[in-house]
Amino acid sequence: MLKVGDRVSLFFNMGKKGIILSLHEIKNNTWLVGGAASSSLDARVQFDDGTIVEYPTSELMPIND
């Protein structure tokens, strides 16, 4: 499980590394046959180059740097 302060990298761009600044829940408006889809978790990440971007936690992996 990821938490604030963890060092992470993107699955699709492993050279881009950063630190999680905050986590927040996103409610989905998608309705399926069995009911509504569950909410997802997004993370605000500050990368080493100074940029701050939000990504779903499913696209992040923890690293030991």
Protein backbone atom coordinates (compact mmCIF):
# COMPACT_ATOMS: atom_id res chain seq x y z
CA MET A 1 0.00 0.00 0.00
CA LEU A 2 1.31 3.41 -0.91
CA LYS A 3 1.31 6.28 1.58
CA VAL A 4 2.30 9.95 1.74
CA GLY A 5 6.08 10.36 1.71
CA ASP A 6 6.77 7.14 -0.20
CA ARG A 7 9.31 7.23 -3.01
CA VAL A 8 7.66 5.98 -6.23
CA SER A 9 8.27 5.43 -9.92
CA LEU A 10 5.86 5.11 -12.84
CA PHE A 11 5.28 1.65 -14.30
CA PHE A 12 5.40 2.99 -17.86
CA ASN A 13 8.40 5.32 -17.29
CA MET A 14 10.68 3.86 -14.61
CA GLY A 15 13.27 6.61 -15.02
CA LYS A 16 10.82 9.15 -13.57
CA LYS A 17 11.01 9.06 -9.77
CA GLY A 18 9.33 11.17 -7.13
CA ILE A 19 7.64 11.43 -3.73
CA ILE A 20 3.92 11.17 -2.95
CA LEU A 21 2.64 14.48 -1.57
CA SER A 22 -1.01 13.54 -1.01
CA LEU A 23 -3.59 10.84 -1.67
CA HIS A 24 -7.27 11.42 -2.42
CA GLU A 25 -10.26 9.31 -3.35
CA ILE A 26 -11.99 9.80 -6.72
CA LYS A 27 -15.63 8.74 -7.00
CA ASN A 28 -16.54 6.93 -10.20
CA ASN A 29 -19.83 7.63 -11.97
CA THR A 30 -19.69 4.38 -13.93
CA TRP A 31 -22.68 2.06 -13.55
CA LEU A 32 -22.26 -1.62 -14.32
CA VAL A 33 -24.70 -4.53 -14.41
CA GLY A 34 -24.04 -5.37 -10.76
CA GLY A 35 -24.12 -1.76 -9.53
CA ALA A 36 -21.75 1.18 -9.36
CA ALA A 37 -17.98 0.84 -9.76
CA SER A 38 -15.95 1.44 -6.62
CA SER A 39 -13.96 4.60 -6.08
CA SER A 40 -10.30 4.89 -7.08
CA LEU A 41 -7.30 6.40 -5.33
CA ASP A 42 -5.16 9.11 -6.93
CA ALA A 43 -1.79 10.36 -5.74
CA ARG A 44 -0.23 13.79 -6.19
CA VAL A 45 3.46 13.14 -6.93
CA GLN A 46 6.36 15.60 -6.95
CA PHE A 47 9.03 14.29 -9.31
CA ASP A 48 12.76 14.91 -8.96
CA ASP A 49 12.62 17.49 -11.76
CA GLY A 50 10.18 19.60 -9.69
CA THR A 51 6.95 18.86 -11.59
CA ILE A 52 3.83 17.92 -9.65
CA VAL A 53 1.36 15.58 -11.36
CA GLU A 54 -1.59 13.42 -10.27
CA TYR A 55 -1.62 9.71 -11.17
CA PRO A 56 -3.82 6.76 -10.19
CA THR A 57 -2.03 4.67 -7.58
CA SER A 58 -2.38 1.69 -9.95
CA GLU A 59 0.22 3.36 -12.22
CA LEU A 60 2.78 3.82 -9.40
CA MET A 61 5.20 1.40 -7.79
CA PRO A 62 7.25 1.92 -4.63
CA ILE A 63 11.02 2.10 -4.97
CA ASN A 64 13.92 1.92 -2.54
CA ASP A 65 16.22 4.69 -3.60
